[in-house]
Amino acid sequence: MSNSSNDKFKNAKRNISEKIKQKLPWIPEDIQDTDSIPKGDMPGDKFKISSQHIQKAQIIFPKLLELLIPTLKKNPYQRSVIAICGGSGVGKSEIASLISYYLNCMGLYSYILSGDNYPHRIPKYNDAERHRIFRKSGVEGLISHGQYIEERHAILKEIQESGNDSNPDYVKSYPWLSVYQSAGRSGLKNYLGSTNEIDFKELTGIISQFKNGESRILLKRMGREETELWYDHVDFSDKNIMIIEWTHGNSQNLQGVDIPILLNSTPQETLKHRRSRNRDSATDSPFIKMVLGIEQEMLIWQAPKAKLILSKSGEILAYKDFVKLMIQDRYRKGIWIATRKCR
């Protein structure tokens, strides 16, 4: 690179960091109409931004700006990737939209990418695959423990058809079902958030293209039906920030994220939020509750990688405080989940 090119490159990096510094201390822009701010790219996704979401975004944003300056300086194209992660229904979409709005107001233009566009299967087929894995693993568990006998087949089939084979209440009547549920849960845990469920390779490739200066990137769109799968070319020529809003945004399988932000909640809080958004026709089913519980465990294990952790009450947590909060919550419910050593 020539001396003049070197100087131009350094000036560009200086200009973008100066742009941020000139806006400090940050004063939030008033939002007159929450419906007009940027939204993610998940087809058909609907949500409503509340005052609580705004409050949380305003707590996160000043800390985020501090983290953005070095990552933007490091990238030759002054680009950075943020991931807003957390349990289903914790408010990722709403807070990602608000952060995008605040960045845009500063002249740092952003794009919100929904990771929910990147499973290998459309939602109804992925739901079916989750059930298949749970039930196959459950039956294999019964067999391996010597609990699978002929007369239980008809009972199990009836329980499965009613959608209660993951319901812990049924163990009282059928003690052998605990073996089935435990093995099924283990099989499901190995599938959820894995490369078998999600195309991390494709999404990692998109992040790489963005950070390497591509001006137009082909992005996937996935609806809920077989015919609702397509790709759009998206213009990134004026974008400095990619915001990925996704439960699995802090996964070890996803490469290239600079600033993972974890929004913490309990499975019970997540379930309440999903009900309000009608995310599933069977939101209250034992199976969905199991999925949310497994997701929560995954998020706990991934938490050490997060650059920021925000509690449900809107407090920035150090990782050690997050661990304490999670252990307290587990003990209150009579459940203990091992967590990593505090960093």
Protein backbone atom coordinates (compact mmCIF):
# COMPACT_ATOMS: atom_id res chain seq x y z
CA MET A 1 0.00 0.00 0.00
CA SER A 2 1.40 3.45 -0.95
CA ASN A 3 2.02 6.19 1.64
CA SER A 4 -0.94 8.21 0.31
CA SER A 5 -3.21 5.16 0.50
CA ASN A 6 -1.95 4.47 4.01
CA ASP A 7 -2.74 8.03 5.08
CA LYS A 8 -6.20 7.87 3.49
CA PHE A 9 -6.92 4.58 5.29
CA LYS A 10 -5.78 5.95 8.66
CA ASN A 11 -7.84 9.12 8.18
CA ALA A 12 -10.95 7.10 7.36
CA LYS A 13 -10.54 5.06 10.54
CA ARG A 14 -9.88 8.22 12.53
CA ASN A 15 -12.93 9.92 11.06
CA ILE A 16 -15.36 7.18 12.08
CA SER A 17 -13.99 6.95 15.61
CA GLU A 18 -14.06 10.73 15.86
CA LYS A 19 -17.66 10.68 14.71
CA ILE A 20 -18.52 8.54 17.72
CA LYS A 21 -16.39 10.55 20.15
CA GLN A 22 -18.02 13.79 19.03
CA LYS A 23 -21.40 12.39 20.08
CA LEU A 24 -20.19 11.57 23.59
CA PRO A 25 -21.59 11.80 26.16
CA TRP A 26 -24.46 10.23 24.26
CA ILE A 27 -27.90 11.81 24.59
CA PRO A 28 -30.77 9.58 23.36
CA GLU A 29 -32.77 10.79 20.41
CA ASP A 30 -36.50 11.11 21.01
CA ILE A 31 -38.55 8.46 19.25
CA GLN A 32 -41.79 9.91 17.98
CA ASP A 33 -43.05 6.83 16.19
CA THR A 34 -41.68 3.37 17.15
CA ASP A 35 -43.33 1.82 14.08
CA SER A 36 -41.06 3.84 11.79
CA ILE A 37 -37.71 2.65 13.12
CA PRO A 38 -35.69 -0.13 11.38
CA LYS A 39 -36.88 -3.72 11.70
CA GLY A 40 -35.16 -7.05 11.16
CA ASP A 41 -35.38 -9.06 7.94
CA MET A 42 -37.40 -12.06 9.19
CA PRO A 43 -40.50 -12.37 6.95
CA GLY A 44 -43.75 -11.86 8.85
CA ASP A 45 -42.12 -11.07 12.19
CA LYS A 46 -44.24 -8.66 14.24
CA PHE A 47 -43.44 -6.98 17.52
CA LYS A 48 -44.25 -3.88 19.53
CA ILE A 49 -41.58 -1.70 21.10
CA SER A 50 -42.41 -0.74 24.67
CA SER A 51 -40.99 1.85 27.06
CA GLN A 52 -39.17 -1.00 28.81
CA HIS A 53 -37.37 -1.93 25.58
CA ILE A 54 -36.36 1.72 25.10
CA GLN A 55 -35.05 1.90 28.65
CA LYS A 56 -32.93 -1.23 28.16
CA ALA A 57 -31.57 -0.08 24.80
CA GLN A 58 -30.55 3.22 26.38
CA ILE A 59 -28.67 1.35 29.12
CA ILE A 60 -26.84 -0.81 26.56
CA PHE A 61 -26.02 1.86 23.98
CA PRO A 62 -23.37 3.97 25.78
CA LYS A 63 -21.46 0.80 26.74
CA LEU A 64 -21.80 -0.46 23.19
CA LEU A 65 -20.27 2.73 21.77
CA GLU A 66 -17.19 2.20 23.94
CA LEU A 67 -16.81 -1.32 22.55
CA LEU A 68 -17.45 -0.26 18.95
CA ILE A 69 -14.59 2.23 18.66
CA PRO A 70 -11.74 -0.35 18.80
CA THR A 71 -13.56 -2.91 16.62
CA LEU A 72 -14.29 -0.33 13.92
CA LYS A 73 -10.67 0.87 14.02
CA LYS A 74 -9.42 -2.71 13.68
CA ASN A 75 -11.44 -3.49 10.55
CA PRO A 76 -10.00 -2.06 7.31
CA TYR A 77 -13.51 -1.20 6.09
CA GLN A 78 -14.60 0.30 9.44
CA ARG A 79 -17.20 -2.39 9.92
CA SER A 80 -18.30 -4.26 13.01
CA VAL A 81 -20.75 -7.07 13.82
CA ILE A 82 -22.96 -7.01 16.91
CA ALA A 83 -25.08 -9.95 18.05
CA ILE A 84 -28.13 -9.39 20.26
CA CYS A 85 -28.76 -12.80 21.78
CA GLY A 86 -30.94 -14.36 24.47
CA GLY A 87 -33.86 -16.70 24.93
CA SER A 88 -36.80 -16.76 22.54
CA GLY A 89 -39.06 -13.77 23.14
CA VAL A 90 -36.66 -11.91 25.46
CA GLY A 91 -36.85 -8.74 23.35
CA LYS A 92 -33.98 -9.23 20.90
CA SER A 93 -35.92 -7.90 17.89
CA GLU A 94 -37.11 -4.79 19.71
CA ILE A 95 -33.73 -3.90 21.24
CA ALA A 96 -31.88 -4.62 17.97
CA SER A 97 -34.25 -2.19 16.22
CA LEU A 98 -33.64 0.50 18.83
CA ILE A 99 -29.86 0.10 18.69
CA SER A 100 -30.02 0.34 14.90
CA TYR A 101 -32.08 3.52 15.21
CA TYR A 102 -29.61 5.12 17.63
CA LEU A 103 -26.64 4.14 15.44
CA ASN A 104 -28.32 5.59 12.37
CA CYS A 105 -28.93 8.84 14.25
CA MET A 106 -25.16 9.05 14.82
CA GLY A 107 -24.41 8.51 11.14
CA LEU A 108 -23.28 4.91 11.71
CA TYR A 109 -25.61 3.07 9.37
CA SER A 110 -26.62 -0.46 10.23
CA TYR A 111 -28.49 -3.51 8.99
CA ILE A 112 -30.50 -5.89 11.20
CA LEU A 113 -30.12 -9.53 10.19
CA SER A 114 -32.35 -12.19 11.74
CA GLY A 115 -30.56 -15.46 12.43
CA ASP A 116 -33.94 -17.20 12.33
CA ASN A 117 -33.59 -17.20 8.54
CA TYR A 118 -30.74 -19.73 8.75
CA PRO A 119 -31.97 -23.09 10.03
CA HIS A 120 -31.70 -25.94 7.51
CA ARG A 121 -35.49 -26.45 7.59
CA ILE A 122 -38.51 -24.15 7.55
CA PRO A 123 -40.13 -23.83 11.01
CA LYS A 124 -42.80 -26.51 10.70
CA TYR A 125 -40.30 -29.09 9.40
CA ASN A 126 -37.77 -28.12 12.05
CA ASP A 127 -40.44 -28.47 14.74
CA ALA A 128 -41.23 -31.92 13.35
CA GLU A 129 -37.52 -32.83 13.38
CA ARG A 130 -37.20 -31.72 17.00
CA HIS A 131 -40.12 -33.98 17.96
CA ARG A 132 -38.70 -36.86 15.92
CA ILE A 133 -35.32 -36.62 17.65
CA PHE A 134 -36.89 -36.34 21.10
CA ARG A 135 -39.10 -39.40 20.53
CA LYS A 136 -36.45 -41.51 18.81
CA SER A 137 -33.96 -40.76 21.60
CA GLY A 138 -36.63 -41.47 24.21
CA VAL A 139 -37.46 -44.90 22.81
CA GLU A 140 -33.75 -45.73 22.49
CA GLY A 141 -33.36 -44.75 26.14
CA LEU A 142 -36.16 -47.13 27.17
CA ILE A 143 -34.53 -49.94 25.21
CA SER A 144 -31.04 -49.33 26.61
CA HIS A 145 -32.42 -49.31 30.18
CA GLY A 146 -34.47 -52.46 29.65
CA GLN A 147 -37.71 -50.50 30.07
CA TYR A 148 -39.22 -51.08 26.62
CA ILE A 149 -41.81 -53.83 26.82
CA GLU A 150 -44.61 -54.61 24.40
CA GLU A 151 -47.56 -53.38 26.49
CA ARG A 152 -45.93 -49.96 26.92
CA HIS A 153 -45.85 -49.33 23.17
CA ALA A 154 -49.60 -48.67 22.94
CA ILE A 155 -49.54 -46.49 26.07
CA LEU A 156 -46.61 -44.46 24.75
CA LYS A 157 -48.26 -44.03 21.35
CA GLU A 158 -51.39 -42.65 22.99
CA ILE A 159 -49.37 -40.25 25.14
CA GLN A 160 -47.38 -39.11 22.09
CA GLU A 161 -50.53 -38.48 20.08
CA SER A 162 -51.89 -36.30 22.88
CA GLY A 163 -48.63 -34.30 22.88
CA ASN A 164 -47.88 -35.19 26.50
CA ASP A 165 -44.89 -37.50 26.13
CA SER A 166 -42.68 -34.61 27.33
CA ASN A 167 -45.05 -33.72 30.17
CA PRO A 168 -43.38 -34.45 33.54
CA ASP A 169 -46.78 -34.76 35.23
CA TYR A 170 -47.36 -38.06 33.40
CA VAL A 171 -44.42 -39.66 35.18
CA LYS A 172 -46.61 -40.02 38.29
CA SER A 173 -48.85 -42.46 36.39
CA TYR A 174 -46.09 -44.01 34.27
CA PRO A 175 -42.76 -44.01 36.17
CA TRP A 176 -40.92 -45.57 33.22
CA LEU A 177 -41.72 -42.40 31.26
CA SER A 178 -39.00 -40.57 33.23
CA VAL A 179 -36.38 -42.69 31.42
CA TYR A 180 -38.00 -41.85 28.07
CA GLN A 181 -38.14 -38.12 28.84
CA SER A 182 -34.57 -37.95 30.15
CA ALA A 183 -33.14 -39.72 27.09
CA GLY A 184 -35.35 -37.69 24.76
CA ARG A 185 -34.22 -34.44 26.35
CA SER A 186 -30.57 -35.46 25.94
CA GLY A 187 -31.10 -36.19 22.26
CA LEU A 188 -32.95 -32.90 21.78
CA LYS A 189 -30.19 -31.00 23.59
CA ASN A 190 -27.63 -32.37 21.13
CA TYR A 191 -29.73 -31.09 18.22
CA LEU A 192 -30.88 -27.63 19.36
CA GLY A 193 -28.51 -24.90 18.22
CA SER A 194 -26.18 -27.40 16.56
CA THR A 195 -24.84 -27.47 13.01
CA ASN A 196 -27.44 -30.19 12.31
CA GLU A 197 -30.22 -27.68 12.99
CA ILE A 198 -28.66 -24.44 11.78
CA ASP A 199 -26.56 -23.44 8.78
CA PHE A 200 -23.85 -21.63 10.74
CA LYS A 201 -21.49 -21.97 7.78
CA GLU A 202 -23.70 -19.83 5.54
CA LEU A 203 -24.16 -17.14 8.17
CA THR A 204 -20.46 -17.10 9.05
CA GLY A 205 -19.78 -16.61 5.31
CA ILE A 206 -22.12 -13.62 5.23
CA ILE A 207 -20.34 -12.05 8.21
CA SER A 208 -17.01 -12.61 6.45
CA GLN A 209 -18.28 -10.94 3.27
CA PHE A 210 -19.52 -7.94 5.25
CA LYS A 211 -16.29 -7.51 7.20
CA ASN A 212 -14.25 -7.84 4.01
CA GLY A 213 -16.01 -4.87 2.44
CA GLU A 214 -18.60 -6.45 0.12
CA SER A 215 -21.10 -3.82 -1.01
CA ARG A 216 -23.85 -6.26 -2.04
CA ILE A 217 -24.58 -9.50 -0.21
CA LEU A 218 -27.15 -12.19 -0.98
CA LEU A 219 -29.25 -12.87 2.12
CA LYS A 220 -31.71 -15.68 2.76
CA ARG A 221 -35.36 -15.16 3.66
CA MET A 222 -37.32 -17.97 5.28
CA GLY A 223 -41.04 -17.90 5.98
CA ARG A 224 -43.16 -20.68 7.45
CA GLU A 225 -44.18 -22.48 4.24
CA GLU A 226 -42.30 -24.46 1.56
CA THR A 227 -42.79 -21.67 -0.98
CA GLU A 228 -41.51 -18.98 1.38
CA LEU A 229 -37.79 -19.43 0.85
CA TRP A 230 -35.86 -16.98 -1.30
CA TYR A 231 -32.78 -14.71 -1.45
CA ASP A 232 -32.45 -10.93 -1.76
CA HIS A 233 -29.44 -8.85 -2.72
CA VAL A 234 -28.92 -6.29 0.04
CA ASP A 235 -26.91 -3.08 -0.40
CA PHE A 236 -24.28 -2.72 2.33
CA SER A 237 -22.29 0.04 0.65
CA ASP A 238 -23.19 2.60 3.33
CA LYS A 239 -23.36 0.21 6.30
CA ASN A 240 -20.83 0.22 9.12
CA ILE A 241 -22.64 -2.14 11.48
CA MET A 242 -24.36 -5.50 11.05
CA ILE A 243 -26.68 -6.35 13.94
CA ILE A 244 -27.59 -10.03 14.22
CA GLU A 245 -30.62 -10.64 16.43
CA TRP A 246 -30.78 -14.30 17.29
CA THR A 247 -30.94 -16.77 20.15
CA HIS A 248 -27.72 -18.40 18.87
CA GLY A 249 -25.80 -15.19 18.20
CA ASN A 250 -23.22 -16.09 20.87
CA SER A 251 -22.74 -19.70 19.74
CA GLN A 252 -19.22 -21.08 19.31
CA ASN A 253 -20.39 -22.26 15.88
CA LEU A 254 -20.84 -18.67 14.66
CA GLN A 255 -17.60 -16.95 13.68
CA GLY A 256 -16.87 -13.26 13.19
CA VAL A 257 -19.12 -11.57 15.77
CA ASP A 258 -17.25 -8.71 17.45
CA ILE A 259 -19.66 -7.76 20.22
CA PRO A 260 -22.10 -10.38 21.56
CA ILE A 261 -24.73 -8.86 23.88
CA LEU A 262 -26.71 -11.25 26.07
CA LEU A 263 -30.22 -10.30 27.18
CA ASN A 264 -30.95 -12.45 30.18
CA SER A 265 -34.32 -13.86 31.22
CA THR A 266 -35.76 -17.01 32.77
CA PRO A 267 -37.66 -19.59 30.68
CA GLN A 268 -40.85 -18.48 32.47
CA GLU A 269 -40.33 -14.85 31.42
CA THR A 270 -39.52 -15.99 27.90
CA LEU A 271 -42.72 -18.06 27.75
CA LYS A 272 -44.82 -15.08 28.83
CA HIS A 273 -43.30 -12.94 26.08
CA ARG A 274 -43.88 -15.62 23.44
CA ARG A 275 -47.54 -15.77 24.42
CA SER A 276 -47.85 -12.03 23.88
CA ARG A 277 -46.38 -12.38 20.36
CA ASN A 278 -48.21 -15.60 19.40
CA ARG A 279 -44.90 -17.19 18.41
CA ASP A 280 -46.30 -20.75 18.48
CA SER A 281 -49.70 -22.39 18.27
CA ALA A 282 -48.60 -24.63 21.17
CA THR A 283 -46.75 -22.04 23.25
CA ASP A 284 -47.82 -23.58 26.57
CA SER A 285 -47.04 -27.18 25.59
CA PRO A 286 -44.64 -29.23 27.73
CA PHE A 287 -42.43 -29.68 24.68
CA ILE A 288 -42.01 -25.93 24.08
CA LYS A 289 -41.25 -25.46 27.78
CA MET A 290 -38.56 -28.14 27.48
CA VAL A 291 -37.06 -26.43 24.42
CA LEU A 292 -36.95 -23.10 26.26
CA GLY A 293 -35.29 -24.74 29.26
CA ILE A 294 -32.58 -26.27 27.06
CA GLU A 295 -32.06 -22.94 25.29
CA GLN A 296 -31.56 -21.29 28.68
CA GLU A 297 -28.88 -23.82 29.62
CA MET A 298 -27.10 -23.19 26.32
CA LEU A 299 -27.15 -19.43 26.90
CA ILE A 300 -25.65 -19.89 30.36
CA TRP A 301 -22.78 -21.98 28.96
CA GLN A 302 -22.15 -19.41 26.21
CA ALA A 303 -22.36 -16.38 28.53
CA PRO A 304 -18.58 -16.08 29.18
CA LYS A 305 -18.17 -14.94 25.56
CA ALA A 306 -20.65 -12.06 25.90
CA LYS A 307 -19.17 -8.55 25.97
CA LEU A 308 -22.27 -7.19 27.70
CA ILE A 309 -24.89 -8.99 29.80
CA LEU A 310 -28.15 -7.22 30.61
CA SER A 311 -30.42 -8.56 33.34
CA LYS A 312 -34.19 -8.77 32.99
CA SER A 313 -34.44 -5.78 35.32
CA GLY A 314 -32.19 -3.73 33.02
CA GLU A 315 -28.89 -3.90 34.89
CA ILE A 316 -25.50 -4.46 33.24
CA LEU A 317 -24.02 -7.55 34.89
CA ALA A 318 -20.46 -8.76 35.26
CA TYR A 319 -20.24 -12.45 34.39
CA LYS A 320 -19.70 -13.49 38.02
CA ASP A 321 -22.89 -11.63 39.01
CA PHE A 322 -24.75 -13.28 36.15
CA VAL A 323 -23.65 -16.70 37.44
CA LYS A 324 -24.83 -15.85 40.95
CA LEU A 325 -28.19 -14.72 39.60
CA MET A 326 -28.62 -17.93 37.60
CA ILE A 327 -27.66 -20.18 40.52
CA GLN A 328 -30.08 -18.35 42.82
CA ASP A 329 -32.85 -18.80 40.27
CA ARG A 330 -32.10 -22.54 39.94
CA TYR A 331 -32.04 -23.08 43.69
CA ARG A 332 -35.35 -21.26 44.08
CA LYS A 333 -36.87 -23.84 41.74
CA GLY A 334 -35.03 -26.77 43.31
CA ILE A 335 -32.91 -27.19 40.18
CA TRP A 336 -29.15 -26.91 39.90
CA ILE A 337 -27.37 -26.38 36.60
CA ALA A 338 -23.59 -26.44 36.65
CA THR A 339 -22.04 -23.27 35.31
CA ARG A 340 -18.55 -22.51 34.16
CA LYS A 341 -15.95 -21.10 36.45
CA CYS A 342 -16.33 -17.32 36.69
CA ARG A 343 -14.01 -15.53 34.35
